Structure formats: structure tokens, C-alpha cells
Amino acid sequence: MIDPAEIAAFRFGTGLPLGQGAPRNPRAMLALLAGLDAGLALWPAPPPQEVLDLHARCAAGRRLARGTPPRSAERKAFVLLVKEVLAQQTLFLKLQIARAIDSPDGFRERLVRFWGDHFTTLARLRDHRGLTASRFDHAIRPHVGGRFIDLLQAAELHPSMLLALDQMASVGPNSRIGQRKGLGLNENLAREMMELHTLGVGTGYSQDDVRQLAELLTGLGVREGEGLAFTPGRVEPGAEIVLGQSYAGEGLAPILQVMADLARRPETARHLARKLAVHFLSDTPDEGLVDRMATAYLDADTAMRPMLRVLLTDPSALRPPLRKARQPFDFLVASLRALGVTGAEVMALGPKPFRRMIREPLAVMGQDWDAPRGPDGWPENAESWITPQGLAARIGWAMDVPGRLRRETGLPPAEQVLAQGLGTLTATQGGDGLPLPALIRRAETPREAVGIVLASPVFNRR
């Protein structure tokens, strides 16, 4: 009989085995989410100022190198700064993996990834990649157990979002700076805030609402070494009307208010509820469940735990079959957990081994780290992930990398990987219609036996 706690670990967590302190029911999962961030306590992030300082140094280095000969001292110095930024970006990836392996609060780790994808930002320059990766820890992680209003404001005002959407190019046409320099609006941030982050596409807002919101957002920008900046001289004067509501005032106050109002809209509630249900349960979620989640969210003034409680306690939440495909990041984390790899071992991997065994395989499987194909993030449907190329990459990784990762300590027996990684799902059918235990007994080598477990259809579902 399949253990519901293990279904939860697949569907809502980072995989098996269930370690000490890991929740075994929805109530325990929600209690952990309401408490301290265990993953962050285990593996702290670089502070925001450290990330901002490196970004500022790299931006200054780019300016100094511009127009100099290819082998100039300025160019060489800039290359070294870019390498620092890319190393910082890799550090944030390592931290995400280490927390997903070590933290008992797998649901929180999954939510950090979900909301990071919801608020996708694409680095426009290599200089920005550290900032872009840092948003998971500095804008998303502190709010995944709280109110969506706070999460929305933190994500939209994070420097990575403002840089990615070129908000600094948005100037009120009638502002002091706009009139002097002949500059105008950039609607990117306003459009994505409505279409992707709150209301959803085709939910009744107009192009005029987008433009009015863009005018309201003028003044927002990024100051090197400081982060979020507000420049009054760029602000479009007068009140703006968004979805029938007038917004006026100085500084950030009207901007924060319009985001709070967008977060409280019924359209936003349904958009978020549907995305969560699709991500965790099914590509075609039950409409009644979506309605109940949206109602719980609105009744709690955008607090997300009541909405998540409805999701986790739905009769379908802990019931087989596993319908969703594990995305490459989730597949690699679950594989490392099944192999007994620790967060410390991941953090200790040198740049080349980490790149060859983790970073590059992620890209080959179709999920290059923090680089989705567009601002709407990664696709959810299984067909996008279980492709011939993607499957070949997973099978190749499963057959090759575990042995390399465990070269010094020795590859664990396939029976142990099977028990740790699949628990009560071990009797699920594999290839040739045989249960997995029978298939691994047929394997010619220990490496192949472990690969069969990790490449099996059930292991690649959640």
C-alpha cells in the first residue's frame, strides 16, 4: 500500500527519504511553513549588500573597459569581475540544491522555486546574473509563508525585476526630466505586473489601464550599490486611474497601494490559485478546488497559507497516481537525495565537477539554471519535459553521474537507492512490464541498476 506521506514528498516536497523532522501530513507541512526557515538556517545566503556591491563594481568595470583595446588592463579587470558575478550566481544555485536536500521543509523549498518562476526575471547582461539569482533569497523566500501583497511588492521592487524590464527607461512624458530630454514610457513592468503576476491574461483590464499603471510606476529605478531608487523628477504628474481607482501622492506610497489593490482582486486570486493547483496537482485542475482556494485567499486578505491549506487538504492531494512530470531541477534534487548526497557535499563540489555533473546537465535536460525561455517562466505540462532529448539526458545522467559523484565513498546498492528514493512506490511497473526490484536484479552492473531506478517512469513523476 502506498504511504500518503510519501505521495506528499513527491508531489509537494523535494523527494524521499523522509528525514528527521520531515512532515508526514498537511497539517505538519503548514506548521513548518509558518515557522522558521530551516533551509536558510542551514545554508545562509550572501547578504543583499554584498550582491549589490559586486553588481556596482562590475557595472563600473564595464564602463571603464568600454572602447579600450581587447587586451587592455581595463578589459582584463572587467573579465575578472564578470567571473565573480557568475561564481556568485552559481553559489545561489548550490544553496538552492543544498537546502532542497537538507531541509525537512521541502514544501517551502518548492514554493520558493514556484514563486521565483512566477516572478521570472531574465538577466539582460552578465553583470545582472548575481542580482537575478539573488531574488530567490532576498525577495521571494522571506514571504512564501505570508501575504501575497508583501511578496508582490518585494518581487516587483527588487533590482533584478527593474533591470530586467528596463524600468529605468520609463519616464513620465510630462515630468521634468521627460520634457527636458524628450523621453517617454516603458510599459514592460506595468504589463507583466498585470498579465503575469496578478490578474492574468484577458481578465478585463485595458491598454489604458496598462498605460496608466506605467505612468504611476515612473520614478522607479535602480541605483548602483544601493538597489531600489526613486527619482521624483521622472514621475508623470497628476493622478493615474487604474481599473477605475485613482492613485495620487508622492514617493512609493501610491505604487505600493496599487500593488496591494491588484493583489486583492478576485481575478488575481483565481490566477494564483489555478497556477498553484496546476503546478502541484494537475495540468487540468478541478475548478471547484480553484474556486475554494481563491475564496480562502480573498477571505484572508491575500494570506497564502489558508489557500495552501485548501490545496493540501483536498482529497486528491495525497492520492495516486502521480500525474506531473518532475522538472529537471526537481529530478536532480530527488536523485541526489536518493543517492544519499548531502548539501555539504554539493557545496564542496569544485567549479568544474559542479558544472559538469549538475549545471550543464540541467541545461541539456531543458532547464538551464534561472534562464527560462520567456517572462512567463517554465512550462508546466509533462510533454514539455518528457521529450526525446530530455529523456535521453535524464537517462544519460542516471547511468553516468551517480557513479562519478560517489567515486570516493562508493555507489550505494541499487536496492538502497530504490528504498530511499521510491519508498512504498518500489513495486511500480518499470520497463517490460516488470516491477523495479525485478528490473534492477537483471542489470549487468551496479551503475546500470542505480540508473534504472533514477530513470524509471515513476521516479520522474510527481
Protein backbone atom coordinates (compact mmCIF):
# COMPACT_ATOMS: atom_id res chain seq x y z
CA MET A 1 0.00 0.00 0.00
CA ILE A 2 1.32 3.44 -0.97
CA ASP A 3 2.09 5.71 2.01
CA PRO A 4 0.29 9.10 1.65
CA ALA A 5 3.24 10.81 3.36
CA GLU A 6 5.47 9.60 0.53
CA ILE A 7 2.97 10.84 -2.08
CA ALA A 8 3.25 14.24 -0.36
CA ALA A 9 7.05 14.10 -0.51
CA PHE A 10 6.86 13.55 -4.27
CA ARG A 11 4.03 15.95 -5.03
CA PHE A 12 4.69 18.81 -2.61
CA GLY A 13 8.27 18.28 -1.45
CA THR A 14 11.74 17.51 -2.74
CA GLY A 15 11.50 13.73 -2.70
CA LEU A 16 12.35 10.82 -0.43
CA PRO A 17 13.63 9.74 2.02
CA LEU A 18 11.61 11.40 4.75
CA GLY A 19 14.31 12.53 7.16
CA GLN A 20 14.13 13.50 10.81
CA GLY A 21 11.65 16.33 11.31
CA ALA A 22 10.10 15.93 7.86
CA PRO A 23 6.30 16.41 7.93
CA ARG A 24 4.06 13.41 7.27
CA ASN A 25 0.73 15.19 6.78
CA PRO A 26 -0.64 18.53 5.51
CA ARG A 27 -1.03 19.97 9.00
CA ALA A 28 2.64 19.38 9.75
CA MET A 29 3.65 20.83 6.36
CA LEU A 30 1.72 24.03 7.07
CA ALA A 31 3.13 24.24 10.60
CA LEU A 32 6.69 24.12 9.22
CA LEU A 33 5.82 26.79 6.67
CA ALA A 34 4.57 29.04 9.47
CA GLY A 35 7.80 28.61 11.44
CA LEU A 36 11.44 29.48 10.93
CA ASP A 37 13.09 28.87 7.57
CA ALA A 38 15.07 25.69 8.24
CA GLY A 39 16.79 25.70 4.83
CA LEU A 40 18.06 29.24 5.24
CA ALA A 41 19.29 28.46 8.77
CA LEU A 42 21.26 25.51 7.40
CA TRP A 43 22.67 27.35 4.40
CA PRO A 44 22.57 31.16 4.77
CA ALA A 45 22.61 33.39 1.71
CA PRO A 46 25.05 36.21 0.92
CA PRO A 47 23.50 39.44 2.23
CA PRO A 48 21.83 41.82 -0.25
CA GLN A 49 24.52 44.47 0.12
CA GLU A 50 27.22 42.03 -0.91
CA VAL A 51 25.32 41.29 -4.12
CA LEU A 52 24.68 44.99 -4.78
CA ASP A 53 28.32 45.87 -4.21
CA LEU A 54 29.55 43.29 -6.71
CA HIS A 55 26.99 44.43 -9.27
CA ALA A 56 28.15 48.02 -8.83
CA ARG A 57 31.82 47.07 -9.22
CA CYS A 58 31.05 45.06 -12.34
CA ALA A 59 28.98 47.87 -13.87
CA ALA A 60 31.81 50.34 -13.18
CA GLY A 61 34.30 47.91 -14.71
CA ARG A 62 32.17 47.63 -17.84
CA ARG A 63 32.19 51.40 -18.26
CA LEU A 64 35.95 51.59 -17.80
CA ALA A 65 36.51 48.80 -20.33
CA ARG A 66 34.21 50.27 -22.98
CA GLY A 67 36.18 51.42 -26.01
CA THR A 68 39.54 50.08 -24.80
CA PRO A 69 41.62 47.56 -26.80
CA PRO A 70 40.69 43.87 -26.40
CA ARG A 71 43.72 43.05 -24.22
CA SER A 72 43.79 46.23 -22.19
CA ALA A 73 44.14 46.16 -18.42
CA GLU A 74 40.59 47.50 -18.16
CA ARG A 75 39.19 44.65 -20.28
CA LYS A 76 41.08 42.05 -18.24
CA ALA A 77 39.84 43.57 -14.99
CA PHE A 78 36.25 43.51 -16.29
CA VAL A 79 36.54 39.84 -17.29
CA LEU A 80 37.61 39.00 -13.73
CA LEU A 81 34.64 40.91 -12.32
CA VAL A 82 32.24 39.05 -14.61
CA LYS A 83 33.74 35.78 -13.38
CA GLU A 84 32.97 36.89 -9.81
CA VAL A 85 29.35 37.58 -10.78
CA LEU A 86 28.97 34.19 -12.47
CA ALA A 87 30.51 32.49 -9.43
CA GLN A 88 28.00 34.30 -7.24
CA GLN A 89 25.16 33.13 -9.48
CA THR A 90 26.45 29.54 -9.19
CA LEU A 91 26.63 29.92 -5.40
CA PHE A 92 22.91 30.73 -5.29
CA LEU A 93 22.20 27.59 -7.34
CA LYS A 94 24.30 25.48 -4.98
CA LEU A 95 22.45 26.96 -2.00
CA GLN A 96 19.07 26.08 -3.52
CA ILE A 97 20.15 22.49 -4.09
CA ALA A 98 21.75 22.13 -0.64
CA ARG A 99 18.61 23.41 1.08
CA ALA A 100 16.36 21.18 -1.02
CA ILE A 101 18.47 18.19 0.07
CA ASP A 102 18.95 19.01 3.75
CA SER A 103 15.89 20.94 4.88
CA PRO A 104 12.99 18.97 6.37
CA ASP A 105 10.71 21.69 4.97
CA GLY A 106 10.56 20.53 1.36
CA PHE A 107 7.26 22.29 0.74
CA ARG A 108 8.86 25.67 1.48
CA GLU A 109 11.71 24.88 -0.91
CA ARG A 110 9.23 24.02 -3.65
CA LEU A 111 7.28 27.21 -3.01
CA VAL A 112 10.44 29.31 -3.26
CA ARG A 113 11.04 27.83 -6.71
CA PHE A 114 7.38 28.21 -7.71
CA TRP A 115 7.19 31.89 -6.79
CA GLY A 116 10.64 32.59 -8.22
CA ASP A 117 9.32 31.21 -11.50
CA HIS A 118 6.07 33.18 -11.18
CA PHE A 119 8.17 36.34 -10.86
CA THR A 120 10.63 35.32 -13.57
CA THR A 121 13.30 37.88 -14.39
CA LEU A 122 15.76 37.46 -17.24
CA ALA A 123 19.23 38.95 -16.86
CA ARG A 124 19.83 41.42 -19.69
CA LEU A 125 23.60 41.48 -19.07
CA ARG A 126 26.04 39.08 -17.46
CA ASP A 127 26.58 41.79 -14.85
CA HIS A 128 22.99 41.24 -13.67
CA ARG A 129 23.12 37.48 -13.12
CA GLY A 130 24.09 37.63 -9.46
CA LEU A 131 21.26 40.06 -8.75
CA THR A 132 18.81 37.94 -10.73
CA ALA A 133 19.72 34.77 -8.82
CA SER A 134 19.61 36.61 -5.50
CA ARG A 135 15.91 37.43 -5.81
CA PHE A 136 15.02 33.89 -4.66
CA ASP A 137 16.65 34.55 -1.29
CA HIS A 138 16.14 38.26 -0.85
CA ALA A 139 12.67 38.89 -2.36
CA ILE A 140 10.88 35.53 -2.57
CA ARG A 141 11.99 33.35 0.34
CA PRO A 142 11.08 35.76 3.19
CA HIS A 143 7.43 35.91 2.05
CA VAL A 144 6.40 32.43 0.83
CA GLY A 145 4.54 31.73 4.08
CA GLY A 146 2.98 35.19 4.38
CA ARG A 147 0.77 37.54 2.38
CA PHE A 148 0.88 37.82 -1.38
CA ILE A 149 0.75 41.62 -1.06
CA ASP A 150 4.16 41.58 0.62
CA LEU A 151 5.56 39.03 -1.84
CA LEU A 152 4.33 41.04 -4.82
CA GLN A 153 5.82 44.29 -3.57
CA ALA A 154 9.17 42.68 -2.73
CA ALA A 155 9.42 40.92 -6.10
CA GLU A 156 8.35 43.87 -8.26
CA LEU A 157 10.68 46.30 -6.48
CA HIS A 158 13.69 44.00 -6.42
CA PRO A 159 16.53 45.44 -8.55
CA SER A 160 16.55 42.33 -10.77
CA MET A 161 12.95 42.96 -11.87
CA LEU A 162 13.53 46.65 -12.53
CA LEU A 163 16.70 45.94 -14.51
CA ALA A 164 15.22 43.05 -16.48
CA LEU A 165 12.21 45.10 -17.59
CA ASP A 166 14.27 48.23 -18.22
CA GLN A 167 12.22 50.31 -15.82
CA MET A 168 14.93 53.00 -15.81
CA ALA A 169 13.92 53.78 -19.40
CA SER A 170 10.38 54.64 -18.28
CA VAL A 171 9.97 58.37 -17.78
CA GLY A 172 6.77 60.36 -17.45
CA PRO A 173 6.38 62.28 -20.76
CA ASN A 174 5.20 65.34 -18.83
CA SER A 175 7.70 65.01 -16.00
CA ARG A 176 10.53 67.49 -15.57
CA ILE A 177 13.13 65.06 -16.96
CA GLY A 178 10.79 63.72 -19.64
CA GLN A 179 10.12 67.19 -21.07
CA ARG A 180 13.74 68.24 -20.89
CA LYS A 181 15.08 65.11 -22.60
CA GLY A 182 12.12 64.12 -24.72
CA LEU A 183 11.76 60.74 -23.00
CA GLY A 184 8.65 58.58 -22.58
CA LEU A 185 7.13 55.48 -21.05
CA ASN A 186 8.27 51.90 -20.99
CA GLU A 187 5.24 49.69 -20.24
CA ASN A 188 7.12 46.44 -19.59
CA LEU A 189 6.80 46.39 -15.80
CA ALA A 190 3.17 47.51 -15.82
CA ARG A 191 2.17 44.91 -18.42
CA GLU A 192 3.91 42.00 -16.70
CA MET A 193 2.58 43.05 -13.30
CA MET A 194 -0.96 42.75 -14.66
CA GLU A 195 -0.67 39.93 -17.22
CA LEU A 196 1.68 37.57 -15.43
CA HIS A 197 2.00 38.48 -11.77
CA THR A 198 -1.54 39.44 -10.68
CA LEU A 199 -4.68 39.49 -12.84
CA GLY A 200 -3.69 37.13 -15.63
CA VAL A 201 -4.10 37.44 -19.39
CA GLY A 202 -7.51 38.50 -20.69
CA THR A 203 -9.13 39.35 -17.37
CA GLY A 204 -10.84 42.62 -18.21
CA TYR A 205 -8.15 45.28 -17.97
CA SER A 206 -7.50 47.54 -20.94
CA GLN A 207 -4.48 49.00 -22.67
CA ASP A 208 -5.37 52.28 -20.98
CA ASP A 209 -5.09 50.56 -17.58
CA VAL A 210 -1.61 49.32 -18.56
CA ARG A 211 -0.56 52.80 -19.64
CA GLN A 212 -1.94 54.44 -16.51
CA LEU A 213 -0.12 51.91 -14.36
CA ALA A 214 3.08 52.53 -16.32
CA GLU A 215 2.71 56.26 -15.63
CA LEU A 216 2.19 55.53 -11.94
CA LEU A 217 5.37 53.43 -11.85
CA THR A 218 7.57 56.18 -13.32
CA GLY A 219 10.23 57.21 -10.86
CA LEU A 220 11.20 53.64 -10.01
CA GLY A 221 14.76 52.67 -10.81
CA VAL A 222 17.98 51.13 -9.54
CA ARG A 223 20.96 52.93 -8.10
CA GLU A 224 24.25 51.05 -8.29
CA GLY A 225 25.36 49.84 -4.88
CA GLU A 226 22.04 50.83 -3.27
CA GLY A 227 19.31 48.92 -5.10
CA LEU A 228 15.81 50.37 -5.41
CA ALA A 229 15.81 54.10 -6.10
CA PHE A 230 13.02 56.61 -6.64
CA THR A 231 13.54 59.74 -8.74
CA PRO A 232 10.73 62.32 -8.36
CA GLY A 233 11.87 64.22 -11.45
CA ARG A 234 10.88 61.25 -13.67
CA VAL A 235 7.35 60.89 -12.28
CA GLU A 236 4.37 61.62 -14.53
CA PRO A 237 2.48 64.42 -12.73
CA GLY A 238 -1.12 64.08 -11.62
CA ALA A 239 -3.30 61.20 -10.52
CA GLU A 240 -3.49 57.94 -12.51
CA ILE A 241 -6.60 55.80 -12.81
CA VAL A 242 -6.05 52.03 -12.85
CA LEU A 243 -9.09 49.73 -13.07
CA GLY A 244 -11.33 52.62 -12.06
CA GLN A 245 -9.33 53.55 -8.95
CA SER A 246 -7.48 56.87 -8.67
CA TYR A 247 -3.91 56.91 -7.34
CA ALA A 248 -2.11 60.08 -6.33
CA GLY A 249 0.57 61.07 -3.87
CA GLU A 250 4.32 61.31 -3.53
CA GLY A 251 7.05 58.71 -3.48
CA LEU A 252 6.39 54.98 -3.24
CA ALA A 253 3.06 55.22 -1.40
CA PRO A 254 0.73 55.16 -4.46
CA ILE A 255 2.85 52.45 -6.10
CA LEU A 256 2.61 50.23 -3.03
CA GLN A 257 -1.12 50.91 -2.87
CA VAL A 258 -1.84 49.92 -6.46
CA MET A 259 0.07 46.66 -5.93
CA ALA A 260 -1.94 45.97 -2.77
CA ASP A 261 -5.16 46.60 -4.67
CA LEU A 262 -4.10 44.34 -7.56
CA ALA A 263 -3.24 41.61 -5.08
CA ARG A 264 -6.75 41.81 -3.59
CA ARG A 265 -8.58 41.45 -6.91
CA PRO A 266 -10.73 38.31 -7.45
CA GLU A 267 -9.02 37.84 -10.83
CA THR A 268 -5.65 37.68 -9.06
CA ALA A 269 -6.99 35.17 -6.54
CA ARG A 270 -8.15 32.82 -9.30
CA HIS A 271 -4.97 33.30 -11.34
CA LEU A 272 -2.75 32.36 -8.38
CA ALA A 273 -4.99 29.52 -7.23
CA ARG A 274 -5.04 27.98 -10.68
CA LYS A 275 -1.26 28.26 -11.09
CA LEU A 276 -0.66 26.57 -7.74
CA ALA A 277 -3.14 23.78 -8.49
CA VAL A 278 -1.60 23.22 -11.93
CA HIS A 279 1.93 23.19 -10.54
CA PHE A 280 1.32 20.79 -7.67
CA LEU A 281 -1.63 18.63 -8.73
CA SER A 282 -2.71 18.51 -12.35
CA ASP A 283 -2.42 20.28 -15.68
CA THR A 284 -6.25 20.35 -15.66
CA PRO A 285 -7.17 21.09 -12.03
CA ASP A 286 -10.67 20.75 -10.61
CA GLU A 287 -12.45 24.11 -10.99
CA GLY A 288 -14.18 23.67 -7.64
CA LEU A 289 -10.79 23.37 -5.94
CA VAL A 290 -9.54 26.51 -7.72
CA ASP A 291 -12.65 28.39 -6.53
CA ARG A 292 -12.17 27.25 -2.94
CA MET A 293 -8.51 28.23 -2.95
CA ALA A 294 -9.31 31.67 -4.39
CA THR A 295 -12.02 32.23 -1.78
CA ALA A 296 -9.68 31.29 1.06
CA TYR A 297 -7.07 33.72 -0.29
CA LEU A 298 -9.53 36.62 -0.50
CA ASP A 299 -11.08 35.89 2.87
CA ALA A 300 -7.61 36.01 4.46
CA ASP A 301 -6.63 39.33 2.79
CA THR A 302 -4.08 37.64 0.48
CA ALA A 303 -2.50 35.47 3.21
CA MET A 304 -1.31 32.42 1.30
CA ARG A 305 -1.32 29.70 3.95
CA PRO A 306 -5.16 29.44 4.02
CA MET A 307 -5.13 28.97 0.24
CA LEU A 308 -2.37 26.36 0.55
CA ARG A 309 -4.34 24.60 3.30
CA VAL A 310 -7.22 24.12 0.88
CA LEU A 311 -4.79 22.72 -1.70
CA LEU A 312 -3.05 20.33 0.70
CA THR A 313 -6.24 19.00 2.30
CA ASP A 314 -8.13 18.38 -0.93
CA PRO A 315 -8.98 14.64 -1.28
CA SER A 316 -6.88 14.47 -4.46
CA ALA A 317 -3.74 15.89 -2.82
CA LEU A 318 -2.41 12.65 -1.34
CA ARG A 319 -3.96 10.23 -3.77
CA PRO A 320 -2.16 8.41 -6.61
CA PRO A 321 -1.41 8.42 -9.47
CA LEU A 322 1.46 10.89 -9.85
CA ARG A 323 0.42 12.96 -12.87
CA LYS A 324 3.01 15.72 -13.10
CA ALA A 325 6.49 15.38 -14.57
CA ARG A 326 9.42 16.21 -12.34
CA GLN A 327 11.17 19.19 -13.88
CA PRO A 328 14.95 18.74 -14.32
CA PHE A 329 15.84 20.66 -11.15
CA ASP A 330 13.41 18.53 -9.11
CA PHE A 331 14.71 15.36 -10.78
CA LEU A 332 18.32 16.16 -9.90
CA VAL A 333 17.48 17.08 -6.30
CA ALA A 334 15.41 13.92 -5.81
CA SER A 335 18.20 11.84 -7.35
CA LEU A 336 20.82 13.34 -5.04
CA ARG A 337 18.58 12.66 -2.04
CA ALA A 338 18.02 9.05 -3.14
CA LEU A 339 21.78 8.59 -3.51
CA GLY A 340 22.41 9.93 0.00
CA VAL A 341 24.30 13.00 -1.23
CA THR A 342 24.28 15.79 1.38
CA GLY A 343 24.03 19.53 1.00
CA ALA A 344 27.58 19.84 2.33
CA GLU A 345 28.84 17.57 -0.44
CA VAL A 346 27.12 19.71 -3.06
CA MET A 347 28.55 22.90 -1.58
CA ALA A 348 32.04 21.32 -1.56
CA LEU A 349 32.00 20.44 -5.27
CA GLY A 350 34.60 22.40 -7.21
CA PRO A 351 33.59 24.62 -10.14
CA LYS A 352 34.37 22.05 -12.85
CA PRO A 353 32.72 19.00 -11.22
CA PHE A 354 29.68 21.05 -10.31
CA ARG A 355 29.38 22.42 -13.82
CA ARG A 356 29.82 19.03 -15.49
CA MET A 357 27.64 16.96 -13.14
CA ILE A 358 24.91 19.47 -12.20
CA ARG A 359 24.81 22.76 -14.08
CA GLU A 360 25.37 21.54 -17.64
CA PRO A 361 23.06 18.51 -17.30
CA LEU A 362 20.28 20.84 -16.14
CA ALA A 363 20.65 22.80 -19.36
CA VAL A 364 20.75 19.66 -21.53
CA MET A 365 17.58 18.42 -19.83
CA GLY A 366 15.94 21.68 -20.87
CA GLN A 367 16.08 23.78 -17.70
CA ASP A 368 19.16 25.98 -17.80
CA TRP A 369 19.56 27.50 -14.34
CA ASP A 370 17.43 30.64 -13.90
CA ALA A 371 17.13 31.15 -17.66
CA PRO A 372 13.61 30.24 -18.83
CA ARG A 373 12.66 30.94 -22.41
CA GLY A 374 10.46 33.92 -21.59
CA PRO A 375 8.99 36.07 -18.82
CA ASP A 376 6.17 33.58 -18.21
CA GLY A 377 8.65 31.10 -16.73
CA TRP A 378 8.96 27.35 -17.23
CA PRO A 379 6.17 25.30 -18.81
CA GLU A 380 4.07 23.01 -16.61
CA ASN A 381 2.80 20.32 -18.95
CA ALA A 382 4.57 16.97 -18.90
CA GLU A 383 5.01 16.99 -22.67
CA SER A 384 7.41 19.92 -22.37
CA TRP A 385 9.76 17.90 -20.15
CA ILE A 386 9.38 14.27 -21.20
CA THR A 387 10.77 14.79 -24.69
CA PRO A 388 13.18 12.50 -26.59
CA GLN A 389 16.11 14.84 -25.89
CA GLY A 390 15.07 15.47 -22.30
CA LEU A 391 14.58 11.76 -21.59
CA ALA A 392 17.90 10.88 -23.18
CA ALA A 393 19.61 13.49 -20.99
CA ARG A 394 17.98 12.11 -17.83
CA ILE A 395 18.86 8.52 -18.69
CA GLY A 396 22.43 9.52 -19.54
CA TRP A 397 22.79 11.37 -16.23
CA ALA A 398 21.24 8.49 -14.25
CA MET A 399 23.59 5.96 -15.80
CA ASP A 400 26.79 8.01 -15.55
CA VAL A 401 26.83 10.74 -12.90
CA PRO A 402 25.87 8.81 -9.71
CA GLY A 403 29.00 6.69 -10.04
CA ARG A 404 31.14 9.80 -10.51
CA LEU A 405 29.52 11.57 -7.57
CA ARG A 406 30.09 8.53 -5.38
CA ARG A 407 33.56 7.64 -6.67
CA GLU A 408 35.21 8.08 -3.27
CA THR A 409 32.52 6.73 -0.96
CA GLY A 410 31.25 4.03 -3.31
CA LEU A 411 27.95 3.83 -5.14
CA PRO A 412 25.16 2.66 -2.81
CA PRO A 413 23.42 -0.59 -3.78
CA ALA A 414 20.52 -0.13 -6.17
CA GLU A 415 18.18 -1.72 -3.60
CA GLN A 416 19.12 1.04 -1.15
CA VAL A 417 18.59 3.77 -3.77
CA LEU A 418 15.25 2.17 -4.62
CA ALA A 419 14.11 2.14 -0.99
CA GLN A 420 15.38 5.66 -0.28
CA GLY A 421 14.11 7.20 -3.49
CA LEU A 422 10.78 5.44 -4.01
CA GLY A 423 9.69 4.04 -0.65
CA THR A 424 6.32 2.33 -0.99
CA LEU A 425 6.32 3.04 -4.74
CA THR A 426 9.04 0.42 -5.28
CA ALA A 427 6.62 -2.13 -6.74
CA THR A 428 5.55 0.22 -9.54
CA GLN A 429 5.93 -1.22 -13.01
CA GLY A 430 9.14 -0.44 -14.87
CA GLY A 431 10.17 -1.42 -18.39
CA ASP A 432 9.00 -4.73 -19.92
CA GLY A 433 6.04 -4.65 -17.50
CA LEU A 434 8.28 -5.79 -14.62
CA PRO A 435 8.41 -4.26 -11.12
CA LEU A 436 11.53 -2.21 -10.50
CA PRO A 437 13.04 -4.68 -7.98
CA ALA A 438 12.98 -7.35 -10.69
CA LEU A 439 14.46 -4.99 -13.26
CA ILE A 440 17.43 -3.98 -11.12
CA ARG A 441 18.22 -7.63 -10.46
CA ARG A 442 18.56 -8.05 -14.22
CA ALA A 443 21.03 -5.16 -14.52
CA GLU A 444 24.53 -6.06 -15.73
CA THR A 445 26.37 -3.62 -13.44
CA PRO A 446 25.68 -1.76 -10.17
CA ARG A 447 25.80 1.54 -12.10
CA GLU A 448 23.18 0.32 -14.53
CA ALA A 449 20.97 -0.89 -11.68
CA VAL A 450 21.06 2.54 -9.99
CA GLY A 451 20.44 4.19 -13.36
CA ILE A 452 17.34 2.05 -13.90
CA VAL A 453 15.86 3.34 -10.62
CA LEU A 454 16.55 7.01 -11.34
CA ALA A 455 15.48 6.79 -14.98
CA SER A 456 12.28 4.87 -14.20
CA PRO A 457 8.96 6.50 -15.18
CA VAL A 458 7.69 6.62 -11.59
CA PHE A 459 10.83 8.37 -10.31
CA ASN A 460 10.36 11.06 -12.97
CA ARG A 461 6.79 11.80 -11.89
CA ARG A 462 5.48 13.81 -9.02
